[in-house]
Amino acid sequence: MDPIDAPAALRVGIFWDADCIASNATLVVDVLRTMNTLAAMRGPAAPPLAWAWLCLPHGTQVPPPLPASAAPGGSLDVLVHPGAMAASGPHLQEICLRQARHAAALLRAHTARGAPVAALFNGTALLAECGLLQGREVALPWAFAPSVLRMAGQHVHWRRERPWHCDGALWSTASLAHTLPAWLDLLAGTDVAELARAAASVLDFDVPRQLTATESVQTPTGEPTPAGALERARRWLQEHRHEPYSLAETARAAATSPRTLLRWFAQVHGQTPLDYLHGLRVAQAQVLLQTTYLTVEAVAQQCGYSDVGSFRRIFARLAGATPGAYRQRFRLRTSRRQWTGMPQ
């Protein structure tokens, strides 16, 4: 099993054999492909991410679900085990005993230098078999947790309440559904963190973006929901976010007094109605900055700010960057010159 050799900012090795969970392995690669696509949209540089399959010999070889990105050689920055399709605890242990004969040395050397490992679903069992879970906190799938804990021995803390968990350089998950957020979180701590955050804004679920990305859809279902005073106020702010803010108008829409609305809003949302409105507007501005060629001034106007200076200050406070810097860092479209085939 040789790692990959490519001019990449991050090199990922993914363990693979006929018993591995293909959906986890494919998702890991698809996130990397998405990030490389975003990087290519920003300019003609070499792909910043590379990956290779670390094939574990086992009878009839089943090819990996997607091709590797580079030839063997070099060193790895991240190791991933996608978990195993095991029928039972004893079957999982049998798989890990076989895999450990080929993977243990690489895993031990990798973890000894503090490099990240993603053990997805029951992939923690291989680390347990290699003696690498001692003193660790891990998220585990309930059906395989007893087997993993038995294989690991003592001094392993099962974080039962966590769908996924990060302990130092080890990311573990308790379900297939949480592979994406755990994998994005791992990547957000590497040299490709900005690309990871940009990919997360596209691939992961984000409530403010869902509510503000389009004008035609105002609720996830399109159906009315029971609306108390607070819900009526929230809807009013969402539907009128492009208009000048008025506490009196918002309270009137909620059929309550401004003073009562402020108190209730602070208790439930932890902020004022105006702060909530700024959050909606900035979420919409982030979408526009990432996906359109509108100027910052035009974005401000579309998001309800007549004063672009105020928009810049509020955006920087909530997004952690100026609109221009945010666009450069997280844009999800090619430049006009690149799109039209003009030289950069």
Protein backbone atom coordinates (compact mmCIF):
# COMPACT_ATOMS: atom_id res chain seq x y z
CA MET A 1 0.00 0.00 0.00
CA ASP A 2 1.87 3.02 -1.23
CA PRO A 3 0.50 6.53 -0.57
CA ILE A 4 0.02 9.07 -3.30
CA ASP A 5 2.51 11.37 -4.93
CA ALA A 6 0.97 14.54 -6.35
CA PRO A 7 1.50 18.30 -6.07
CA ALA A 8 -1.46 18.64 -3.70
CA ALA A 9 -2.05 20.65 -0.55
CA LEU A 10 -3.78 17.63 1.02
CA ARG A 11 -3.30 13.92 0.31
CA VAL A 12 -5.91 11.44 1.46
CA GLY A 13 -5.62 7.67 1.68
CA ILE A 14 -8.83 5.61 1.82
CA PHE A 15 -8.77 1.99 2.94
CA TRP A 16 -10.71 -0.32 0.66
CA ASP A 17 -11.64 -3.97 0.22
CA ALA A 18 -14.74 -5.97 -0.67
CA ASP A 19 -16.20 -5.52 2.84
CA CYS A 20 -15.93 -1.72 3.03
CA ILE A 21 -19.01 0.54 3.00
CA ALA A 22 -19.05 1.96 -0.51
CA SER A 23 -21.42 4.86 0.23
CA ASN A 24 -19.06 6.30 2.87
CA ALA A 25 -16.04 5.87 0.60
CA THR A 26 -17.84 7.51 -2.31
CA LEU A 27 -19.03 10.45 -0.20
CA VAL A 28 -15.49 11.09 1.03
CA VAL A 29 -14.21 11.22 -2.55
CA ASP A 30 -17.14 13.28 -3.83
CA VAL A 31 -16.44 15.98 -1.23
CA LEU A 32 -12.80 16.06 -2.38
CA ARG A 33 -13.92 16.25 -6.02
CA THR A 34 -16.30 19.10 -5.16
CA MET A 35 -13.48 21.02 -3.49
CA ASN A 36 -11.20 20.49 -6.50
CA THR A 37 -14.02 21.73 -8.75
CA LEU A 38 -14.39 24.88 -6.65
CA ALA A 39 -10.64 25.42 -6.80
CA ALA A 40 -10.66 25.04 -10.59
CA MET A 41 -13.42 27.64 -10.85
CA ARG A 42 -11.15 30.13 -9.10
CA GLY A 43 -8.20 29.73 -11.43
CA PRO A 44 -6.07 27.31 -13.47
CA ALA A 45 -3.97 25.90 -10.61
CA ALA A 46 -3.18 22.27 -9.87
CA PRO A 47 -5.96 20.44 -7.96
CA PRO A 48 -5.28 21.02 -4.25
CA LEU A 49 -6.61 17.62 -3.15
CA ALA A 50 -5.47 14.14 -4.13
CA TRP A 51 -6.59 10.71 -2.97
CA ALA A 52 -5.60 7.09 -3.40
CA TRP A 53 -7.19 3.78 -2.47
CA LEU A 54 -5.25 1.76 0.07
CA CYS A 55 -6.45 -1.64 -1.09
CA LEU A 56 -6.48 -4.40 1.53
CA PRO A 57 -5.96 -7.82 -0.15
CA HIS A 58 -8.99 -10.05 0.29
CA GLY A 59 -9.94 -12.87 -2.06
CA THR A 60 -11.61 -11.57 -5.21
CA GLN A 61 -10.77 -7.90 -5.40
CA VAL A 62 -13.67 -5.50 -5.86
CA PRO A 63 -12.54 -2.26 -7.55
CA PRO A 64 -13.01 0.98 -5.62
CA PRO A 65 -16.22 2.88 -6.46
CA LEU A 66 -14.33 5.85 -7.98
CA PRO A 67 -10.87 6.14 -9.54
CA ALA A 68 -7.91 7.43 -7.56
CA SER A 69 -6.71 10.92 -8.40
CA ALA A 70 -2.97 10.28 -8.54
CA ALA A 71 -0.20 7.71 -8.84
CA PRO A 72 1.40 5.99 -5.79
CA GLY A 73 4.30 7.48 -3.84
CA GLY A 74 4.89 10.20 -1.24
CA SER A 75 3.19 10.59 2.15
CA LEU A 76 -0.40 10.90 3.34
CA ASP A 77 -1.98 13.72 5.33
CA VAL A 78 -5.27 11.98 6.20
CA LEU A 79 -6.35 8.34 6.48
CA VAL A 80 -9.98 7.26 6.11
CA HIS A 81 -11.64 3.96 6.95
CA PRO A 82 -15.19 3.92 5.51
CA GLY A 83 -16.44 1.17 7.83
CA ALA A 84 -17.30 -2.43 7.07
CA MET A 85 -20.45 -4.23 5.88
CA ALA A 86 -20.47 -6.65 8.80
CA ALA A 87 -23.34 -8.98 9.62
CA SER A 88 -22.51 -9.16 13.33
CA GLY A 89 -19.96 -8.22 15.96
CA PRO A 90 -17.91 -11.40 15.46
CA HIS A 91 -18.00 -10.84 11.69
CA LEU A 92 -16.72 -7.29 12.20
CA GLN A 93 -13.86 -8.57 14.35
CA GLU A 94 -12.99 -11.16 11.72
CA ILE A 95 -12.84 -8.42 9.06
CA CYS A 96 -10.65 -6.21 11.26
CA LEU A 97 -8.24 -9.04 12.09
CA ARG A 98 -7.70 -9.57 8.38
CA GLN A 99 -7.42 -5.85 7.56
CA ALA A 100 -5.03 -5.18 10.45
CA ARG A 101 -2.42 -7.50 8.95
CA HIS A 102 -2.07 -5.04 6.07
CA ALA A 103 -3.08 -1.71 7.62
CA ALA A 104 -1.71 -1.73 11.19
CA ALA A 105 1.81 -0.49 10.42
CA LEU A 106 0.57 2.44 8.33
CA LEU A 107 -2.10 3.37 10.88
CA ARG A 108 0.31 3.28 13.80
CA ALA A 109 2.93 5.38 12.03
CA HIS A 110 0.27 7.84 10.86
CA THR A 111 -1.29 8.33 14.30
CA ALA A 112 2.13 8.48 15.97
CA ARG A 113 2.83 11.74 14.12
CA GLY A 114 -0.60 13.15 15.06
CA ALA A 115 -2.04 13.07 11.55
CA PRO A 116 -5.85 12.97 11.18
CA VAL A 117 -7.83 9.75 10.86
CA ALA A 118 -11.52 9.45 9.95
CA ALA A 119 -12.98 6.19 11.28
CA LEU A 120 -16.49 6.15 9.82
CA PHE A 121 -19.37 4.13 11.25
CA ASN A 122 -17.79 0.92 12.60
CA GLY A 123 -14.38 1.77 11.11
CA THR A 124 -13.27 2.45 14.69
CA ALA A 125 -13.07 -1.34 15.08
CA LEU A 126 -9.91 -1.46 12.96
CA LEU A 127 -8.29 1.16 15.20
CA ALA A 128 -9.35 -0.90 18.21
CA GLU A 129 -7.77 -4.01 16.70
CA CYS A 130 -4.56 -2.02 16.14
CA GLY A 131 -4.53 -0.81 19.77
CA LEU A 132 -5.16 2.83 18.82
CA LEU A 133 -8.29 3.64 20.83
CA GLN A 134 -6.81 3.63 24.31
CA GLY A 135 -7.78 6.81 26.19
CA ARG A 136 -9.92 8.00 23.27
CA GLU A 137 -13.42 9.43 23.13
CA VAL A 138 -15.38 8.03 20.18
CA ALA A 139 -18.84 8.06 18.63
CA LEU A 140 -20.00 4.51 17.87
CA PRO A 141 -22.99 2.93 16.09
CA TRP A 142 -25.03 1.25 18.82
CA ALA A 143 -25.26 -2.07 16.99
CA PHE A 144 -21.47 -2.48 16.91
CA ALA A 145 -20.48 -0.51 20.01
CA PRO A 146 -20.16 -3.57 22.29
CA SER A 147 -17.84 -5.29 19.82
CA VAL A 148 -15.67 -2.20 19.32
CA LEU A 149 -15.39 -1.61 23.07
CA ARG A 150 -14.54 -5.25 23.69
CA MET A 151 -11.85 -5.16 21.00
CA ALA A 152 -10.43 -1.90 22.38
CA GLY A 153 -10.27 -3.05 25.99
CA GLN A 154 -10.52 -0.54 28.82
CA HIS A 155 -10.08 3.23 28.90
CA VAL A 156 -12.26 4.05 25.89
CA HIS A 157 -15.09 6.56 26.37
CA TRP A 158 -18.14 5.95 24.20
CA ARG A 159 -19.82 9.31 23.53
CA ARG A 160 -23.32 7.86 23.34
CA GLU A 161 -24.97 11.25 22.85
CA ARG A 162 -22.83 12.26 19.85
CA PRO A 163 -23.70 11.36 16.21
CA TRP A 164 -20.06 12.13 15.41
CA HIS A 165 -17.13 13.19 17.54
CA CYS A 166 -13.63 14.65 17.22
CA ASP A 167 -11.01 13.64 19.78
CA GLY A 168 -7.68 15.18 18.86
CA ALA A 169 -6.85 13.89 15.40
CA LEU A 170 -9.50 11.14 15.41
CA TRP A 171 -12.95 11.69 13.86
CA SER A 172 -15.53 8.97 14.47
CA THR A 173 -19.20 8.67 13.48
CA ALA A 174 -22.19 6.75 14.81
CA SER A 175 -24.25 6.72 11.60
CA LEU A 176 -23.92 6.92 7.84
CA ALA A 177 -25.98 10.12 7.87
CA HIS A 178 -23.23 11.98 9.74
CA THR A 179 -20.33 11.11 7.45
CA LEU A 180 -20.66 14.44 5.62
CA PRO A 181 -20.54 16.87 8.58
CA ALA A 182 -17.75 14.89 10.27
CA TRP A 183 -15.66 14.76 7.08
CA LEU A 184 -16.17 18.47 6.37
CA ASP A 185 -15.18 19.28 9.95
CA LEU A 186 -11.97 17.30 9.59
CA LEU A 187 -11.11 19.08 6.34
CA ALA A 188 -11.85 22.46 7.94
CA GLY A 189 -8.83 21.91 10.18
CA THR A 190 -6.38 21.32 7.32
CA ASP A 191 -4.53 23.46 4.77
CA VAL A 192 -7.63 23.41 2.54
CA ALA A 193 -9.93 24.83 5.23
CA GLU A 194 -11.32 27.63 3.06
CA LEU A 195 -12.30 25.22 0.30
CA ALA A 196 -13.87 22.93 2.91
CA ARG A 197 -16.01 25.76 4.25
CA ALA A 198 -17.05 26.72 0.72
CA ALA A 199 -17.99 23.11 -0.04
CA ALA A 200 -19.90 22.87 3.24
CA SER A 201 -22.07 25.83 2.24
CA VAL A 202 -23.15 23.85 -0.84
CA LEU A 203 -23.29 20.29 0.46
CA ASP A 204 -24.48 20.65 4.05
CA PHE A 205 -27.90 21.78 5.26
CA ASP A 206 -28.08 25.41 6.37
CA VAL A 207 -31.38 26.87 7.58
CA PRO A 208 -30.77 30.60 6.83
CA ARG A 209 -29.61 29.79 3.30
CA GLN A 210 -32.62 27.56 2.72
CA LEU A 211 -34.87 30.43 3.74
CA THR A 212 -33.15 33.19 1.79
CA ALA A 213 -31.58 31.58 -1.30
CA THR A 214 -34.73 31.95 -3.42
CA GLU A 215 -37.55 34.45 -3.54
CA SER A 216 -40.20 31.97 -4.64
CA VAL A 217 -39.95 29.47 -1.79
CA GLN A 218 -40.47 30.88 1.67
CA THR A 219 -40.85 27.72 3.76
CA PRO A 220 -39.38 24.22 3.31
CA THR A 221 -42.85 22.68 2.67
CA GLY A 222 -44.71 25.63 1.21
CA GLU A 223 -47.52 24.85 3.65
CA PRO A 224 -48.70 27.07 6.51
CA THR A 225 -47.65 26.22 10.04
CA PRO A 226 -49.33 27.19 13.29
CA ALA A 227 -48.28 30.76 13.87
CA GLY A 228 -48.08 32.26 17.32
CA ALA A 229 -47.02 35.85 17.81
CA LEU A 230 -43.32 35.01 17.58
CA GLU A 231 -43.74 32.92 14.44
CA ARG A 232 -45.78 35.69 12.82
CA ALA A 233 -43.01 38.16 13.64
CA ARG A 234 -40.36 35.86 12.23
CA ARG A 235 -42.34 35.37 9.01
CA TRP A 236 -42.91 39.10 8.71
CA LEU A 237 -39.19 39.78 8.97
CA GLN A 238 -38.42 37.08 6.41
CA GLU A 239 -41.04 38.24 3.91
CA HIS A 240 -40.13 41.95 4.32
CA ARG A 241 -36.37 41.62 4.76
CA HIS A 242 -35.74 43.91 1.79
CA GLU A 243 -37.74 46.73 3.35
CA PRO A 244 -36.60 49.24 6.01
CA TYR A 245 -36.85 47.71 9.48
CA SER A 246 -39.69 48.84 11.73
CA LEU A 247 -40.18 47.34 15.17
CA ALA A 248 -43.69 48.81 15.29
CA GLU A 249 -44.67 47.18 11.98
CA THR A 250 -43.18 43.86 13.06
CA ALA A 251 -45.06 43.96 16.36
CA ARG A 252 -48.27 44.89 14.56
CA ALA A 253 -47.86 41.87 12.26
CA ALA A 254 -47.39 39.71 15.36
CA ALA A 255 -50.45 41.20 17.03
CA THR A 256 -48.51 42.23 20.10
CA SER A 257 -46.74 45.24 21.55
CA PRO A 258 -43.16 46.20 20.59
CA ARG A 259 -42.03 45.78 24.20
CA THR A 260 -43.54 42.30 24.50
CA LEU A 261 -42.12 41.27 21.13
CA LEU A 262 -38.60 42.34 22.15
CA ARG A 263 -38.85 40.36 25.37
CA TRP A 264 -40.21 37.21 23.73
CA PHE A 265 -37.76 37.37 20.84
CA ALA A 266 -34.81 37.67 23.21
CA GLN A 267 -36.04 34.73 25.29
CA VAL A 268 -36.59 32.38 22.34
CA HIS A 269 -34.01 33.49 19.77
CA GLY A 270 -31.41 35.09 22.04
CA GLN A 271 -31.37 38.25 19.92
CA THR A 272 -33.50 41.21 18.89
CA PRO A 273 -35.78 41.13 15.84
CA LEU A 274 -33.35 43.53 14.13
CA ASP A 275 -30.39 41.22 14.75
CA TYR A 276 -32.45 38.32 13.40
CA LEU A 277 -33.23 40.40 10.29
CA HIS A 278 -29.54 41.19 9.80
CA GLY A 279 -28.82 37.45 9.97
CA LEU A 280 -31.35 36.75 7.21
CA ARG A 281 -29.99 39.55 5.05
CA VAL A 282 -26.36 38.48 5.48
CA ALA A 283 -27.25 34.86 4.67
CA GLN A 284 -28.83 36.06 1.42
CA ALA A 285 -25.82 38.28 0.72
CA GLN A 286 -23.49 35.30 1.17
CA VAL A 287 -25.43 33.35 -1.44
CA LEU A 288 -25.35 36.27 -3.89
CA LEU A 289 -21.62 36.90 -3.35
CA GLN A 290 -20.84 33.23 -3.93
CA THR A 291 -23.04 32.62 -6.95
CA THR A 292 -23.52 35.90 -8.88
CA TYR A 293 -21.47 38.64 -10.53
CA LEU A 294 -23.42 41.42 -8.78
CA THR A 295 -21.33 44.22 -7.33
CA VAL A 296 -21.17 44.61 -3.56
CA GLU A 297 -23.35 47.71 -3.91
CA ALA A 298 -25.99 45.77 -5.86
CA VAL A 299 -25.89 42.94 -3.31
CA ALA A 300 -26.44 45.44 -0.51
CA GLN A 301 -29.45 46.91 -2.32
CA GLN A 302 -30.98 43.47 -2.98
CA CYS A 303 -30.58 42.53 0.67
CA GLY A 304 -32.35 45.62 1.99
CA TYR A 305 -29.42 47.97 2.74
CA SER A 306 -29.59 51.43 1.20
CA ASP A 307 -26.25 52.36 2.78
CA VAL A 308 -23.45 50.15 1.48
CA GLY A 309 -21.17 51.26 4.30
CA SER A 310 -23.60 49.91 6.89
CA PHE A 311 -23.93 46.72 4.87
CA ARG A 312 -20.14 46.22 4.83
CA ARG A 313 -19.89 46.71 8.60
CA ILE A 314 -22.77 44.39 9.43
CA PHE A 315 -21.61 41.75 6.96
CA ALA A 316 -18.06 41.80 8.37
CA ARG A 317 -19.39 41.47 11.92
CA LEU A 318 -21.60 38.46 11.13
CA ALA A 319 -19.58 36.71 8.42
CA GLY A 320 -16.11 37.42 9.79
CA ALA A 321 -14.87 38.98 6.53
CA THR A 322 -15.63 41.93 4.29
CA PRO A 323 -17.99 41.23 1.36
CA GLY A 324 -15.10 41.41 -1.10
CA ALA A 325 -12.88 39.07 0.90
CA TYR A 326 -15.77 36.68 1.44
CA ARG A 327 -16.49 36.57 -2.30
CA GLN A 328 -12.86 35.86 -3.12
CA ARG A 329 -12.64 33.12 -0.51
CA PHE A 330 -15.94 31.31 -1.04
CA ARG A 331 -17.11 32.03 -4.57
CA LEU A 332 -18.91 29.16 -6.28
CA ARG A 333 -18.65 30.34 -9.88
CA THR A 334 -15.89 30.96 -12.35
CA SER A 335 -14.65 34.46 -13.08
CA ARG A 336 -16.22 36.22 -16.05
CA ARG A 337 -12.94 36.06 -17.95
CA GLN A 338 -12.55 32.34 -17.38
CA TRP A 339 -16.20 31.68 -18.28
CA THR A 340 -15.94 33.59 -21.57
CA GLY A 341 -12.59 32.04 -22.44
CA MET A 342 -10.70 35.34 -22.12
CA PRO A 343 -7.14 35.33 -20.77
CA GLN A 344 -6.80 35.95 -17.02
